[in-house]
């Protein structure tokens, strides 16, 4: 999974840490290569955030549920899922309340055989029910996001020397786990 700075998914962040303001739109994209693109589609079954690296942590925020945007997060927008070897979505950066200082993003990804099943979901009114994550198989993780305050650094928003305008910042560092996803 890669994190992009633009809605065209053409400018990935290349340095870590990546600094983002809370409520900034974040763009996530995954690609599978080395497979028959006429037979297999990449699907994001479920994506959720936790305050630590463990995807099974009970404190979580659902972002994608059963291939559809979560009903409780109106900022989620799925650009592409189950239609090709690319999956893309976006949502607004947030932080957990309380003592949690980090946020990790986890996604269940699967290859779907288009000759055996329908790979894209028909989402009810564009949003999924708030059901739980069924399994932690095929989970890929990015993160953490860390809260960062204005006097601790500058934003890498593409404008050199521009300091953050918001006291709450988020730092992204990445851990791509699936070898053929990029």
C-alpha atoms as a PDB file:
ATOM      1  CA  UNK A   1       0.000   0.000   0.000  1.00  0.00           C
ATOM      2  CA  UNK A   2       1.249   3.460  -0.874  1.00  0.00           C
ATOM      3  CA  UNK A   3       0.091   6.810   0.416  1.00  0.00           C
ATOM      4  CA  UNK A   4      -0.367   9.579  -2.142  1.00  0.00           C
ATOM      5  CA  UNK A   5      -0.541  13.349  -1.799  1.00  0.00           C
ATOM      6  CA  UNK A   6      -3.023  13.896  -4.642  1.00  0.00           C
ATOM      7  CA  UNK A   7      -6.442  12.610  -5.773  1.00  0.00           C
ATOM      8  CA  UNK A   8      -4.941  11.466  -9.080  1.00  0.00           C
ATOM      9  CA  UNK A   9      -2.733   8.963  -7.223  1.00  0.00           C
ATOM     10  CA  UNK A  10       0.238  10.230  -9.217  1.00  0.00           C
ATOM     11  CA  UNK A  11       2.412  11.718  -6.447  1.00  0.00           C
ATOM     12  CA  UNK A  12       3.293   9.158  -3.771  1.00  0.00           C
ATOM     13  CA  UNK A  13       5.034  10.331  -0.651  1.00  0.00           C
ATOM     14  CA  UNK A  14       8.645   9.262  -1.038  1.00  0.00           C
ATOM     15  CA  UNK A  15      10.050  10.322   2.316  1.00  0.00           C
ATOM     16  CA  UNK A  16       9.193   9.381   5.833  1.00  0.00           C
ATOM     17  CA  UNK A  17       7.969  10.686   8.033  1.00  0.00           C
ATOM     18  CA  UNK A  18       5.061  12.146   6.071  1.00  0.00           C
ATOM     19  CA  UNK A  19       3.454  15.038   7.888  1.00  0.00           C
ATOM     20  CA  UNK A  20      -0.283  15.625   7.479  1.00  0.00           C
ATOM     21  CA  UNK A  21      -2.778  17.768   9.334  1.00  0.00           C
ATOM     22  CA  UNK A  22      -5.657  16.031  11.055  1.00  0.00           C
ATOM     23  CA  UNK A  23      -8.629  16.175   8.619  1.00  0.00           C
ATOM     24  CA  UNK A  24      -6.355  16.267   5.559  1.00  0.00           C
ATOM     25  CA  UNK A  25      -7.526  13.886   2.840  1.00  0.00           C
ATOM     26  CA  UNK A  26      -5.213  10.865   2.576  1.00  0.00           C
ATOM     27  CA  UNK A  27      -5.098   8.723  -0.584  1.00  0.00           C
ATOM     28  CA  UNK A  28      -4.225   5.010  -0.347  1.00  0.00           C
ATOM     29  CA  UNK A  29      -3.420   2.858  -3.363  1.00  0.00           C
ATOM     30  CA  UNK A  30      -2.365  -0.752  -3.903  1.00  0.00           C
ATOM     31  CA  UNK A  31      -1.306  -2.534  -7.064  1.00  0.00           C
ATOM     32  CA  UNK A  32      -0.688  -6.178  -7.835  1.00  0.00           C
ATOM     33  CA  UNK A  33       1.745  -7.107 -10.591  1.00  0.00           C
ATOM     34  CA  UNK A  34       2.852 -10.358 -12.149  1.00  0.00           C
ATOM     35  CA  UNK A  35      -0.658 -11.832 -12.485  1.00  0.00           C
ATOM     36  CA  UNK A  36      -3.144 -12.263 -15.329  1.00  0.00           C
ATOM     37  CA  UNK A  37      -5.041  -8.954 -15.219  1.00  0.00           C
ATOM     38  CA  UNK A  38      -7.824 -10.478 -17.324  1.00  0.00           C
ATOM     39  CA  UNK A  39      -8.517 -13.140 -14.701  1.00  0.00           C
ATOM     40  CA  UNK A  40      -7.703 -11.594 -11.311  1.00  0.00           C
ATOM     41  CA  UNK A  41      -8.874  -8.363  -9.671  1.00  0.00           C
ATOM     42  CA  UNK A  42      -7.543  -6.849  -6.446  1.00  0.00           C
ATOM     43  CA  UNK A  43     -10.187  -6.389  -3.763  1.00  0.00           C
ATOM     44  CA  UNK A  44     -10.033  -4.568  -0.455  1.00  0.00           C
ATOM     45  CA  UNK A  45     -12.439  -6.600   1.639  1.00  0.00           C
ATOM     46  CA  UNK A  46     -12.052  -4.594   4.845  1.00  0.00           C
ATOM     47  CA  UNK A  47      -9.849  -1.709   6.001  1.00  0.00           C
ATOM     48  CA  UNK A  48      -9.710  -0.379   9.541  1.00  0.00           C
ATOM     49  CA  UNK A  49      -7.523   1.687  11.845  1.00  0.00           C
ATOM     50  CA  UNK A  50      -6.203   0.774  15.283  1.00  0.00           C
ATOM     51  CA  UNK A  51      -4.104   2.633  17.860  1.00  0.00           C
ATOM     52  CA  UNK A  52      -1.346  -0.001  17.599  1.00  0.00           C
ATOM     53  CA  UNK A  53       0.224  -2.294  15.007  1.00  0.00           C
ATOM     54  CA  UNK A  54      -1.913  -5.302  16.019  1.00  0.00           C
ATOM     55  CA  UNK A  55      -4.809  -5.625  13.530  1.00  0.00           C
ATOM     56  CA  UNK A  56      -6.793  -7.650  16.098  1.00  0.00           C
ATOM     57  CA  UNK A  57      -6.850  -4.825  18.666  1.00  0.00           C
ATOM     58  CA  UNK A  58     -10.396  -4.335  19.926  1.00  0.00           C
ATOM     59  CA  UNK A  59     -10.203  -0.536  19.631  1.00  0.00           C
ATOM     60  CA  UNK A  60     -10.721   0.089  15.928  1.00  0.00           C
ATOM     61  CA  UNK A  61     -12.285   2.448  13.417  1.00  0.00           C
ATOM     62  CA  UNK A  62     -13.802   0.787  10.342  1.00  0.00           C
ATOM     63  CA  UNK A  63     -12.992   2.484   7.045  1.00  0.00           C
ATOM     64  CA  UNK A  64     -14.053  -0.154   4.479  1.00  0.00           C
ATOM     65  CA  UNK A  65     -16.475  -2.947   5.429  1.00  0.00           C
ATOM     66  CA  UNK A  66     -17.387  -5.734   2.993  1.00  0.00           C
ATOM     67  CA  UNK A  67     -15.813  -3.749   0.129  1.00  0.00           C
ATOM     68  CA  UNK A  68     -17.970  -0.659   0.860  1.00  0.00           C
ATOM     69  CA  UNK A  69     -17.263   2.635   2.670  1.00  0.00           C
ATOM     70  CA  UNK A  70     -18.048   2.457   6.372  1.00  0.00           C
ATOM     71  CA  UNK A  71     -21.443   3.887   7.317  1.00  0.00           C
ATOM     72  CA  UNK A  72     -19.905   5.670  10.321  1.00  0.00           C
ATOM     73  CA  UNK A  73     -17.151   7.535   8.445  1.00  0.00           C
ATOM     74  CA  UNK A  74     -18.577   9.879   5.846  1.00  0.00           C
ATOM     75  CA  UNK A  75     -15.100  10.862   4.629  1.00  0.00           C
ATOM     76  CA  UNK A  76     -14.332   7.494   2.994  1.00  0.00           C
ATOM     77  CA  UNK A  77     -14.376   7.424  -0.803  1.00  0.00           C
ATOM     78  CA  UNK A  78     -13.556   4.220  -2.719  1.00  0.00           C
ATOM     79  CA  UNK A  79     -12.139   5.127  -6.120  1.00  0.00           C
ATOM     80  CA  UNK A  80     -11.480   1.593  -7.384  1.00  0.00           C
ATOM     81  CA  UNK A  81     -11.990  -1.806  -5.775  1.00  0.00           C
ATOM     82  CA  UNK A  82     -12.513  -5.186  -7.435  1.00  0.00           C
ATOM     83  CA  UNK A  83     -12.375  -3.762 -10.971  1.00  0.00           C
ATOM     84  CA  UNK A  84      -8.705  -4.265 -11.870  1.00  0.00           C
ATOM     85  CA  UNK A  85      -5.318  -5.024 -10.319  1.00  0.00           C
ATOM     86  CA  UNK A  86      -5.459  -1.619  -8.630  1.00  0.00           C
ATOM     87  CA  UNK A  87      -7.375  -0.647  -5.484  1.00  0.00           C
ATOM     88  CA  UNK A  88      -7.683   2.994  -4.379  1.00  0.00           C
ATOM     89  CA  UNK A  89      -9.510   4.847  -1.647  1.00  0.00           C
ATOM     90  CA  UNK A  90      -9.299   7.996   0.436  1.00  0.00           C
ATOM     91  CA  UNK A  91     -10.408   9.250   3.842  1.00  0.00           C
ATOM     92  CA  UNK A  92      -9.676  12.098   6.226  1.00  0.00           C
ATOM     93  CA  UNK A  93      -6.726  11.740   8.615  1.00  0.00           C
ATOM     94  CA  UNK A  94      -7.779  11.409  12.269  1.00  0.00           C
ATOM     95  CA  UNK A  95      -6.420  10.387  15.655  1.00  0.00           C
ATOM     96  CA  UNK A  96      -7.903   8.255  18.395  1.00  0.00           C
ATOM     97  CA  UNK A  97      -9.041  10.118  21.505  1.00  0.00           C
ATOM     98  CA  UNK A  98      -7.418   9.437  24.848  1.00  0.00           C
ATOM     99  CA  UNK A  99      -3.857   8.302  25.409  1.00  0.00           C
ATOM    100  CA  UNK A 100      -3.441   6.717  21.960  1.00  0.00           C
ATOM    101  CA  UNK A 101      -0.743   8.629  20.096  1.00  0.00           C
ATOM    102  CA  UNK A 102      -0.538   6.411  17.008  1.00  0.00           C
ATOM    103  CA  UNK A 103      -2.901   5.190  14.304  1.00  0.00           C
ATOM    104  CA  UNK A 104      -2.213   2.193  12.054  1.00  0.00           C
ATOM    105  CA  UNK A 105      -4.153   1.347   8.895  1.00  0.00           C
ATOM    106  CA  UNK A 106      -4.877  -2.321   8.140  1.00  0.00           C
ATOM    107  CA  UNK A 107      -6.480  -3.727   4.976  1.00  0.00           C
ATOM    108  CA  UNK A 108      -7.587  -7.234   4.048  1.00  0.00           C
ATOM    109  CA  UNK A 109      -6.648  -7.694   0.403  1.00  0.00           C
ATOM    110  CA  UNK A 110      -7.550 -10.573  -1.826  1.00  0.00           C
ATOM    111  CA  UNK A 111      -7.198 -11.560  -5.436  1.00  0.00           C
ATOM    112  CA  UNK A 112     -10.604 -12.267  -6.933  1.00  0.00           C
ATOM    113  CA  UNK A 113     -11.019 -14.650  -9.878  1.00  0.00           C
ATOM    114  CA  UNK A 114     -13.423 -12.892 -12.270  1.00  0.00           C
ATOM    115  CA  UNK A 115     -14.130 -16.184 -14.017  1.00  0.00           C
ATOM    116  CA  UNK A 116     -15.539 -17.633 -10.788  1.00  0.00           C
ATOM    117  CA  UNK A 117     -17.320 -14.709  -9.095  1.00  0.00           C
ATOM    118  CA  UNK A 118     -18.303 -11.048  -9.240  1.00  0.00           C
ATOM    119  CA  UNK A 119     -15.432  -9.061  -7.733  1.00  0.00           C
ATOM    120  CA  UNK A 120     -16.934  -5.602  -7.179  1.00  0.00           C
ATOM    121  CA  UNK A 121     -19.540  -4.879  -4.521  1.00  0.00           C
ATOM    122  CA  UNK A 122     -22.867  -3.116  -4.896  1.00  0.00           C
ATOM    123  CA  UNK A 123     -22.821  -0.860  -1.843  1.00  0.00           C
ATOM    124  CA  UNK A 124     -26.190   0.097  -0.322  1.00  0.00           C
ATOM    125  CA  UNK A 125     -26.541   3.887  -0.659  1.00  0.00           C
ATOM    126  CA  UNK A 126     -22.771   3.995  -1.008  1.00  0.00           C
ATOM    127  CA  UNK A 127     -22.118   2.904   2.580  1.00  0.00           C
ATOM    128  CA  UNK A 128     -21.681  -0.455   4.292  1.00  0.00           C
ATOM    129  CA  UNK A 129     -23.216  -1.601   7.543  1.00  0.00           C
ATOM    130  CA  UNK A 130     -20.990  -1.263  10.593  1.00  0.00           C
ATOM    131  CA  UNK A 131     -20.325  -4.995  10.893  1.00  0.00           C
ATOM    132  CA  UNK A 132     -17.061  -6.217  12.358  1.00  0.00           C
ATOM    133  CA  UNK A 133     -14.008  -7.573  10.613  1.00  0.00           C
ATOM    134  CA  UNK A 134     -14.442 -11.317  10.156  1.00  0.00           C
ATOM    135  CA  UNK A 135     -10.825 -12.487   9.975  1.00  0.00           C
ATOM    136  CA  UNK A 136      -7.303 -11.120  10.091  1.00  0.00           C
ATOM    137  CA  UNK A 137      -6.038 -13.208   7.153  1.00  0.00           C
ATOM    138  CA  UNK A 138      -4.269 -11.391   4.291  1.00  0.00           C
ATOM    139  CA  UNK A 139      -3.937  -8.200   6.335  1.00  0.00           C
ATOM    140  CA  UNK A 140      -1.507  -5.502   5.197  1.00  0.00           C
ATOM    141  CA  UNK A 141      -0.545  -2.562   7.392  1.00  0.00           C
ATOM    142  CA  UNK A 142       0.743   0.996   7.025  1.00  0.00           C
ATOM    143  CA  UNK A 143       1.545   3.377   9.799  1.00  0.00           C
ATOM    144  CA  UNK A 144       1.806   4.667  12.326  1.00  0.00           C
ATOM    145  CA  UNK A 145       0.337   8.118  12.160  1.00  0.00           C
ATOM    146  CA  UNK A 146       1.666  10.084  15.105  1.00  0.00           C
ATOM    147  CA  UNK A 147       0.340  13.323  16.498  1.00  0.00           C
ATOM    148  CA  UNK A 148       2.830  16.110  15.930  1.00  0.00           C
ATOM    149  CA  UNK A 149       2.583  19.674  17.127  1.00  0.00           C
ATOM    150  CA  UNK A 150       3.331  22.827  15.145  1.00  0.00           C
ATOM    151  CA  UNK A 151       6.584  23.662  16.904  1.00  0.00           C
ATOM    152  CA  UNK A 152       7.998  20.170  16.286  1.00  0.00           C
ATOM    153  CA  UNK A 153       8.493  20.381  12.522  1.00  0.00           C
ATOM    154  CA  UNK A 154       7.427  21.408   9.102  1.00  0.00           C
ATOM    155  CA  UNK A 155       4.880  19.952   6.747  1.00  0.00           C
ATOM    156  CA  UNK A 156       6.113  18.109   3.679  1.00  0.00           C
ATOM    157  CA  UNK A 157       3.085  19.268   1.702  1.00  0.00           C
ATOM    158  CA  UNK A 158       5.280  20.119  -1.258  1.00  0.00           C
ATOM    159  CA  UNK A 159       5.926  23.760  -0.264  1.00  0.00           C
ATOM    160  CA  UNK A 160       9.421  24.056   1.229  1.00  0.00           C
ATOM    161  CA  UNK A 161       9.624  25.944   4.487  1.00  0.00           C
ATOM    162  CA  UNK A 162       5.885  26.037   5.052  1.00  0.00           C
ATOM    163  CA  UNK A 163       5.127  25.323   8.697  1.00  0.00           C
ATOM    164  CA  UNK A 164       2.047  23.479   9.802  1.00  0.00           C
ATOM    165  CA  UNK A 165      -1.073  25.592  10.238  1.00  0.00           C
ATOM    166  CA  UNK A 166      -2.733  23.183  12.625  1.00  0.00           C
ATOM    167  CA  UNK A 167      -1.489  22.211  16.063  1.00  0.00           C
ATOM    168  CA  UNK A 168      -2.404  18.572  15.542  1.00  0.00           C
ATOM    169  CA  UNK A 169      -0.291  16.833  12.917  1.00  0.00           C
ATOM    170  CA  UNK A 170       0.008  13.252  11.832  1.00  0.00           C
ATOM    171  CA  UNK A 171       3.182  11.466  10.851  1.00  0.00           C
ATOM    172  CA  UNK A 172       3.097   8.530   8.505  1.00  0.00           C
ATOM    173  CA  UNK A 173       5.773   5.956   8.180  1.00  0.00           C
ATOM    174  CA  UNK A 174       5.131   2.935   6.073  1.00  0.00           C
ATOM    175  CA  UNK A 175       5.533  -0.778   6.417  1.00  0.00           C
ATOM    176  CA  UNK A 176       4.613  -2.492   3.161  1.00  0.00           C
ATOM    177  CA  UNK A 177       4.166  -6.113   4.065  1.00  0.00           C
ATOM    178  CA  UNK A 178       2.977  -7.934   0.959  1.00  0.00           C
ATOM    179  CA  UNK A 179       5.905  -8.554  -1.390  1.00  0.00           C
ATOM    180  CA  UNK A 180       4.151  -8.122  -4.710  1.00  0.00           C
ATOM    181  CA  UNK A 181       1.953  -5.193  -3.680  1.00  0.00           C
ATOM    182  CA  UNK A 182       3.406  -1.743  -4.280  1.00  0.00           C
END
